[in-house]
N, C-alpha and C. Protein backbone atom coordinates (compact mmCIF):
# COMPACT_ATOMS: atom_id res chain seq x y z
N MET A 1 5.71 58.38 106.00
CA MET A 1 6.73 57.48 105.47
C MET A 1 6.33 56.94 104.12
N ASP A 2 5.04 56.51 104.07
CA ASP A 2 4.53 55.92 102.82
C ASP A 2 4.48 56.98 101.73
N ASP A 3 4.22 58.24 102.11
CA ASP A 3 4.22 59.36 101.12
C ASP A 3 5.65 59.49 100.47
N ASP A 4 6.71 59.26 101.31
CA ASP A 4 8.05 59.39 100.78
C ASP A 4 8.33 58.40 99.73
N PHE A 5 7.85 57.09 99.95
CA PHE A 5 8.07 56.06 99.01
C PHE A 5 7.24 56.31 97.72
N ALA A 6 6.01 56.84 97.91
CA ALA A 6 5.19 57.13 96.74
C ALA A 6 5.85 58.20 95.89
N LEU A 7 6.36 59.26 96.55
CA LEU A 7 7.00 60.35 95.76
C LEU A 7 8.26 59.77 95.10
N GLU A 8 9.07 58.94 95.81
CA GLU A 8 10.23 58.41 95.16
C GLU A 8 9.90 57.57 93.95
N ASN A 9 8.81 56.72 94.03
CA ASN A 9 8.46 55.89 92.91
C ASN A 9 7.93 56.79 91.78
N GLU A 10 7.23 57.85 92.08
CA GLU A 10 6.75 58.76 91.00
C GLU A 10 7.90 59.42 90.31
N LEU A 11 8.90 59.89 91.07
CA LEU A 11 10.09 60.53 90.48
C LEU A 11 10.89 59.54 89.70
N ARG A 12 11.01 58.28 90.10
CA ARG A 12 11.71 57.24 89.32
C ARG A 12 11.00 57.00 87.96
N ALA A 13 9.71 56.97 88.01
CA ALA A 13 8.91 56.79 86.78
C ALA A 13 9.14 57.94 85.79
N ILE A 14 9.11 59.10 86.31
CA ILE A 14 9.34 60.34 85.47
C ILE A 14 10.73 60.32 84.87
N ALA A 15 11.75 59.99 85.68
CA ALA A 15 13.12 59.95 85.21
C ALA A 15 13.30 58.87 84.17
N SER A 16 12.63 57.73 84.34
CA SER A 16 12.81 56.64 83.35
C SER A 16 12.18 56.98 81.98
N VAL A 17 11.18 57.87 82.04
CA VAL A 17 10.60 58.32 80.75
C VAL A 17 11.47 59.45 80.13
N LEU A 18 11.79 60.42 80.93
CA LEU A 18 12.50 61.63 80.39
C LEU A 18 13.97 61.45 80.22
N ASP A 19 14.63 60.63 81.04
CA ASP A 19 16.06 60.48 81.02
C ASP A 19 16.42 59.05 81.34
N PRO A 20 16.12 58.05 80.45
CA PRO A 20 16.38 56.69 80.76
C PRO A 20 17.88 56.37 80.82
N VAL A 21 18.24 55.32 81.61
CA VAL A 21 19.61 54.88 81.69
C VAL A 21 19.96 54.21 80.36
N PRO A 22 21.06 54.62 79.71
CA PRO A 22 21.47 53.93 78.48
C PRO A 22 21.74 52.48 78.72
N PRO A 23 21.31 51.57 77.86
CA PRO A 23 21.52 50.14 78.05
C PRO A 23 22.95 49.76 78.31
N GLU A 24 23.91 50.36 77.53
CA GLU A 24 25.30 50.01 77.67
C GLU A 24 25.87 50.41 79.04
N LEU A 25 25.36 51.53 79.61
CA LEU A 25 25.81 51.92 80.93
C LEU A 25 25.35 50.99 81.96
N LEU A 26 24.09 50.51 81.87
CA LEU A 26 23.52 49.55 82.83
C LEU A 26 24.34 48.26 82.74
N GLU A 27 24.67 47.83 81.54
CA GLU A 27 25.47 46.61 81.32
C GLU A 27 26.86 46.69 81.96
N ASP A 28 27.53 47.85 81.71
CA ASP A 28 28.82 48.09 82.33
C ASP A 28 28.81 48.11 83.82
N ALA A 29 27.74 48.69 84.35
CA ALA A 29 27.64 48.79 85.81
C ALA A 29 27.39 47.38 86.41
N MET A 30 26.63 46.55 85.74
CA MET A 30 26.41 45.20 86.25
C MET A 30 27.70 44.38 86.15
N LEU A 31 28.39 44.58 85.06
CA LEU A 31 29.68 43.87 84.87
C LEU A 31 30.73 44.28 85.95
N ALA A 32 30.76 45.56 86.21
CA ALA A 32 31.71 46.05 87.29
C ALA A 32 31.32 45.45 88.63
N PHE A 33 30.06 45.37 88.92
CA PHE A 33 29.70 44.83 90.20
C PHE A 33 29.98 43.42 90.31
N THR A 34 29.72 42.59 89.24
CA THR A 34 29.98 41.12 89.34
C THR A 34 31.49 40.85 89.37
N LEU A 35 32.30 41.76 88.80
CA LEU A 35 33.78 41.50 88.77
C LEU A 35 34.45 42.07 90.01
N ARG A 36 33.68 42.75 90.83
CA ARG A 36 34.29 43.39 92.01
C ARG A 36 34.95 42.33 92.92
N THR A 37 36.10 42.66 93.42
CA THR A 37 36.81 41.74 94.29
C THR A 37 36.60 42.17 95.72
N LEU A 38 36.06 41.27 96.50
CA LEU A 38 35.66 41.59 97.85
C LEU A 38 36.86 41.53 98.84
N ASP A 39 37.93 40.87 98.43
CA ASP A 39 39.02 40.71 99.35
C ASP A 39 40.12 41.79 99.20
N ALA A 40 39.86 42.82 98.46
CA ALA A 40 40.83 43.89 98.22
C ALA A 40 40.29 45.23 98.76
N GLU A 41 41.24 46.08 99.12
CA GLU A 41 40.88 47.44 99.60
C GLU A 41 40.63 48.25 98.36
N LEU A 42 39.58 49.08 98.40
CA LEU A 42 39.21 49.92 97.27
C LEU A 42 39.93 51.29 97.39
N ALA A 43 40.70 51.59 96.30
CA ALA A 43 41.38 52.87 96.23
C ALA A 43 40.41 53.86 95.50
N LEU A 44 39.99 54.89 96.21
CA LEU A 44 39.01 55.77 95.70
C LEU A 44 39.61 56.83 94.76
N LEU A 45 38.88 57.31 93.82
CA LEU A 45 39.30 58.36 92.93
C LEU A 45 39.42 59.62 93.65
N ALA A 46 40.62 60.21 93.71
CA ALA A 46 40.88 61.44 94.41
C ALA A 46 40.99 62.62 93.48
N PHE A 47 41.45 62.35 92.26
CA PHE A 47 41.58 63.44 91.17
C PHE A 47 41.33 62.84 89.84
N ASP A 48 40.64 63.57 88.97
CA ASP A 48 40.44 63.18 87.61
C ASP A 48 40.49 64.45 86.74
N SER A 49 41.46 64.53 85.87
CA SER A 49 41.60 65.74 85.05
C SER A 49 40.44 65.99 84.19
N TRP A 50 39.62 64.99 83.82
CA TRP A 50 38.41 65.17 83.08
C TRP A 50 37.42 66.08 83.86
N ASP A 51 37.36 65.87 85.18
CA ASP A 51 36.54 66.77 85.93
C ASP A 51 36.98 68.19 85.94
N GLU A 52 38.33 68.40 86.02
CA GLU A 52 38.91 69.76 85.97
C GLU A 52 38.69 70.34 84.60
N GLN A 53 38.83 69.52 83.63
CA GLN A 53 38.64 70.02 82.22
C GLN A 53 37.23 70.53 82.05
N ALA A 54 36.28 69.81 82.52
CA ALA A 54 34.88 70.26 82.34
C ALA A 54 34.60 71.54 83.06
N ALA A 55 35.30 71.69 84.22
CA ALA A 55 34.99 72.90 85.01
C ALA A 55 35.71 74.15 84.46
N THR A 56 36.86 73.95 83.87
CA THR A 56 37.69 75.17 83.47
C THR A 56 37.75 75.33 81.98
N ARG A 57 37.59 74.23 81.18
CA ARG A 57 37.69 74.30 79.75
C ARG A 57 38.99 74.84 79.25
N VAL A 58 40.12 74.46 79.96
CA VAL A 58 41.43 75.06 79.57
C VAL A 58 42.25 74.02 78.77
N ARG A 59 41.92 72.80 78.87
CA ARG A 59 42.71 71.71 78.18
C ARG A 59 42.15 71.60 76.74
N GLY A 60 43.08 71.38 75.84
CA GLY A 60 42.69 71.14 74.46
C GLY A 60 42.29 69.72 74.22
N PRO A 61 41.77 69.34 73.04
CA PRO A 61 41.37 68.03 72.74
C PRO A 61 42.71 67.15 72.62
N GLY A 62 42.53 65.91 72.97
CA GLY A 62 43.67 65.01 72.90
C GLY A 62 44.65 65.02 74.04
N ALA A 63 44.39 65.84 75.07
CA ALA A 63 45.23 65.93 76.23
C ALA A 63 45.05 64.57 77.07
N PRO A 64 46.17 64.08 77.60
CA PRO A 64 46.10 62.86 78.39
C PRO A 64 45.19 63.07 79.62
N ARG A 65 44.56 62.03 80.03
CA ARG A 65 43.76 61.96 81.20
C ARG A 65 44.60 61.64 82.41
N LEU A 66 44.56 62.43 83.48
CA LEU A 66 45.39 62.24 84.64
C LEU A 66 44.42 61.85 85.81
N LEU A 67 44.77 60.75 86.49
CA LEU A 67 43.92 60.25 87.61
C LEU A 67 44.80 59.93 88.79
N THR A 68 44.23 60.09 90.01
CA THR A 68 44.83 59.68 91.25
C THR A 68 43.88 58.90 92.10
N PHE A 69 44.32 57.69 92.52
CA PHE A 69 43.50 56.92 93.39
C PHE A 69 44.26 56.76 94.69
N ARG A 70 43.49 56.73 95.82
CA ARG A 70 44.16 56.69 97.17
C ARG A 70 43.51 55.73 98.09
N THR A 71 44.34 55.11 98.91
CA THR A 71 43.91 54.35 100.06
C THR A 71 44.82 54.99 101.23
N ALA A 72 44.68 54.42 102.47
CA ALA A 72 45.45 54.92 103.57
C ALA A 72 46.95 54.53 103.39
N ARG A 73 47.29 53.47 102.58
CA ARG A 73 48.61 53.06 102.48
C ARG A 73 49.24 53.10 101.09
N VAL A 74 48.43 53.29 100.04
CA VAL A 74 48.93 53.30 98.65
C VAL A 74 48.25 54.40 97.90
N GLU A 75 49.04 55.03 96.99
CA GLU A 75 48.47 56.08 96.06
C GLU A 75 48.90 55.59 94.69
N VAL A 76 47.96 55.56 93.73
CA VAL A 76 48.18 55.17 92.33
C VAL A 76 47.92 56.41 91.47
N GLU A 77 48.95 56.85 90.82
CA GLU A 77 48.73 57.99 89.83
C GLU A 77 48.82 57.40 88.41
N LEU A 78 47.86 57.84 87.53
CA LEU A 78 47.79 57.32 86.22
C LEU A 78 47.75 58.41 85.19
N GLU A 79 48.31 58.15 84.06
CA GLU A 79 48.13 59.01 82.85
C GLU A 79 47.61 58.09 81.73
N VAL A 80 46.46 58.36 81.21
CA VAL A 80 45.89 57.63 80.10
C VAL A 80 45.90 58.47 78.84
N ALA A 81 46.64 57.97 77.84
CA ALA A 81 46.78 58.72 76.59
C ALA A 81 46.46 57.74 75.49
N GLY A 82 45.33 57.89 74.85
CA GLY A 82 44.85 56.97 73.80
C GLY A 82 44.64 55.58 74.39
N ARG A 83 45.43 54.64 73.85
CA ARG A 83 45.32 53.26 74.36
C ARG A 83 46.46 52.82 75.22
N ARG A 84 47.18 53.82 75.76
CA ARG A 84 48.34 53.60 76.61
C ARG A 84 48.15 54.17 77.99
N LEU A 85 48.59 53.44 79.00
CA LEU A 85 48.54 53.84 80.38
C LEU A 85 49.88 53.84 81.00
N MET A 86 50.20 54.90 81.68
CA MET A 86 51.48 55.02 82.45
C MET A 86 51.11 55.35 83.88
N GLY A 87 51.80 54.79 84.82
CA GLY A 87 51.49 55.03 86.18
C GLY A 87 52.65 55.00 87.15
N ARG A 88 52.33 55.37 88.39
CA ARG A 88 53.35 55.40 89.45
C ARG A 88 52.67 55.06 90.78
N LEU A 89 53.31 54.26 91.58
CA LEU A 89 52.85 53.93 92.88
C LEU A 89 53.60 54.69 93.97
N THR A 90 52.90 55.14 95.01
CA THR A 90 53.52 55.74 96.13
C THR A 90 52.98 55.11 97.36
N PRO A 91 53.82 54.52 98.18
CA PRO A 91 55.30 54.50 98.16
C PRO A 91 55.80 53.68 96.99
N ALA A 92 56.95 54.11 96.51
CA ALA A 92 57.56 53.44 95.33
C ALA A 92 57.95 52.00 95.71
N VAL A 93 57.46 51.04 94.91
CA VAL A 93 57.76 49.67 95.24
C VAL A 93 57.65 48.84 93.96
N ALA A 94 58.46 47.82 93.81
CA ALA A 94 58.33 46.89 92.66
C ALA A 94 57.33 45.86 93.02
N THR A 95 56.23 45.73 92.25
CA THR A 95 55.17 44.84 92.59
C THR A 95 54.36 44.49 91.32
N ASP A 96 53.49 43.46 91.49
CA ASP A 96 52.65 43.02 90.35
C ASP A 96 51.41 43.93 90.30
N ILE A 97 51.01 44.23 89.04
CA ILE A 97 49.80 45.05 88.82
C ILE A 97 49.03 44.32 87.74
N ARG A 98 47.69 44.25 87.93
CA ARG A 98 46.84 43.73 86.91
C ARG A 98 45.94 44.87 86.35
N VAL A 99 45.96 45.09 85.12
CA VAL A 99 45.12 46.06 84.45
C VAL A 99 43.93 45.27 83.92
N GLN A 100 42.75 45.43 84.59
CA GLN A 100 41.58 44.57 84.34
C GLN A 100 40.58 45.38 83.54
N GLY A 101 40.10 44.74 82.51
CA GLY A 101 39.03 45.31 81.66
C GLY A 101 37.92 44.29 81.37
N ARG A 102 37.00 44.68 80.57
CA ARG A 102 35.88 43.85 80.20
C ARG A 102 36.32 42.57 79.58
N ASP A 103 37.34 42.63 78.74
CA ASP A 103 37.75 41.43 77.94
C ASP A 103 38.92 40.66 78.55
N GLY A 104 39.26 40.91 79.80
CA GLY A 104 40.37 40.20 80.42
C GLY A 104 41.33 41.16 81.16
N GLU A 105 42.50 40.70 81.38
CA GLU A 105 43.43 41.51 82.11
C GLU A 105 44.85 41.45 81.48
N GLN A 106 45.62 42.49 81.76
CA GLN A 106 46.98 42.59 81.35
C GLN A 106 47.88 42.71 82.57
N ARG A 107 48.86 41.87 82.71
CA ARG A 107 49.70 41.88 83.87
C ARG A 107 50.96 42.67 83.57
N VAL A 108 51.30 43.59 84.48
CA VAL A 108 52.50 44.36 84.35
C VAL A 108 53.19 44.33 85.68
N ARG A 109 54.39 44.90 85.75
CA ARG A 109 55.13 44.95 87.02
C ARG A 109 55.72 46.37 87.09
N SER A 110 55.60 46.96 88.29
CA SER A 110 56.21 48.25 88.55
C SER A 110 57.72 48.06 88.85
N ASP A 111 58.52 49.08 88.52
CA ASP A 111 59.93 48.99 88.82
C ASP A 111 60.20 49.49 90.28
N GLY A 112 61.47 49.59 90.66
CA GLY A 112 61.81 49.99 91.99
C GLY A 112 61.40 51.43 92.33
N LEU A 113 61.12 52.21 91.35
CA LEU A 113 60.59 53.57 91.60
C LEU A 113 59.08 53.66 91.56
N GLY A 114 58.41 52.50 91.41
CA GLY A 114 56.94 52.48 91.39
C GLY A 114 56.38 52.77 90.06
N ARG A 115 57.15 52.84 88.97
CA ARG A 115 56.64 53.20 87.66
C ARG A 115 56.25 51.93 86.87
N PHE A 116 55.16 52.06 86.08
CA PHE A 116 54.67 50.96 85.27
C PHE A 116 53.92 51.54 84.03
N SER A 117 53.73 50.68 83.03
CA SER A 117 52.97 51.11 81.86
C SER A 117 52.25 49.88 81.25
N ALA A 118 51.23 50.16 80.51
CA ALA A 118 50.46 49.08 79.80
C ALA A 118 50.05 49.69 78.46
N ASP A 119 50.10 48.83 77.46
CA ASP A 119 49.84 49.27 76.06
C ASP A 119 48.53 48.48 75.63
N ALA A 120 48.03 48.93 74.49
CA ALA A 120 46.90 48.26 73.83
C ALA A 120 45.72 48.09 74.71
N LEU A 121 45.32 49.13 75.43
CA LEU A 121 44.11 49.11 76.27
C LEU A 121 42.87 48.93 75.42
N THR A 122 41.94 48.13 75.85
CA THR A 122 40.62 47.97 75.18
C THR A 122 39.72 49.07 75.66
N PRO A 123 39.05 49.78 74.76
CA PRO A 123 38.10 50.78 75.18
C PRO A 123 36.99 50.21 76.03
N GLY A 124 36.63 50.90 77.09
CA GLY A 124 35.61 50.41 77.99
C GLY A 124 36.00 50.60 79.45
N PRO A 125 35.35 49.87 80.36
CA PRO A 125 35.72 50.00 81.77
C PRO A 125 37.07 49.39 82.05
N LEU A 126 37.75 49.99 83.03
CA LEU A 126 39.13 49.57 83.34
C LEU A 126 39.34 49.81 84.87
N ARG A 127 40.12 48.92 85.47
CA ARG A 127 40.59 49.18 86.87
C ARG A 127 41.91 48.47 87.03
N LEU A 128 42.64 48.87 88.09
CA LEU A 128 43.88 48.26 88.41
C LEU A 128 43.79 47.49 89.72
N ARG A 129 44.50 46.38 89.76
CA ARG A 129 44.65 45.56 90.99
C ARG A 129 46.07 45.51 91.36
N VAL A 130 46.43 46.17 92.43
CA VAL A 130 47.88 46.24 92.87
C VAL A 130 48.08 45.28 94.06
N VAL A 131 49.13 44.51 94.01
CA VAL A 131 49.42 43.60 95.14
C VAL A 131 50.74 44.06 95.76
N PRO A 132 50.70 44.97 96.73
CA PRO A 132 51.93 45.41 97.40
C PRO A 132 52.54 44.28 98.20
N PRO A 133 53.93 44.37 98.36
CA PRO A 133 54.61 43.34 99.12
C PRO A 133 54.05 43.18 100.57
N SER A 134 53.64 44.28 101.16
CA SER A 134 53.03 44.17 102.54
C SER A 134 51.58 44.58 102.47
N GLY A 135 50.74 43.86 103.24
CA GLY A 135 49.33 44.19 103.23
C GLY A 135 48.64 43.41 102.16
N GLY A 136 47.35 43.62 102.09
CA GLY A 136 46.50 42.94 101.05
C GLY A 136 46.45 43.70 99.82
N PRO A 137 45.78 43.12 98.77
CA PRO A 137 45.68 43.76 97.46
C PRO A 137 44.79 45.02 97.53
N VAL A 138 45.01 45.89 96.61
CA VAL A 138 44.27 47.18 96.41
C VAL A 138 43.73 47.23 95.05
N VAL A 139 42.46 47.61 94.87
CA VAL A 139 41.93 47.78 93.55
C VAL A 139 41.41 49.25 93.38
N THR A 140 41.66 49.77 92.23
CA THR A 140 41.07 51.11 91.92
C THR A 140 39.56 51.02 91.64
N SER A 141 38.88 52.15 91.77
CA SER A 141 37.50 52.08 91.29
C SER A 141 37.54 52.08 89.72
N TRP A 142 36.49 51.74 89.08
CA TRP A 142 36.36 51.56 87.61
C TRP A 142 36.38 52.90 86.95
N ILE A 143 37.10 53.00 85.85
CA ILE A 143 37.06 54.16 84.99
C ILE A 143 36.76 53.71 83.57
N ARG A 144 36.38 54.60 82.74
CA ARG A 144 36.16 54.29 81.34
C ARG A 144 37.24 54.92 80.51
N VAL A 145 37.80 54.08 79.61
CA VAL A 145 38.85 54.62 78.69
C VAL A 145 38.41 54.43 77.28
């Protein structure tokens, strides 16, 4: 067991020299952890077009980023194009949504079809907090825009 810890510590030391964590990434990770809301259900990332783009190389530059987040009761679909975000909730419901970033939050409301949008996004980490009429709040995992 002690050999496992020694090997792990040796590998950590090698990784910190050869491939150190960028300071801005560590700062963003700490910020995301401290801002995490413990009373909300986490919607996990189910699809990210950036992952597909890297695998297939078929999308051209400037294509919008498509994301899908899911919980057992809510699905959040997003399209991020530049500094604009458009989204849809399933099931479709009119509700309050907070677009949270490093520098604050932007409050928007979805319509009866579950559609919503937000403009003037600040570059950096971003997540959504959705408060459906039934059940508790849902937050997406953090993404970088």
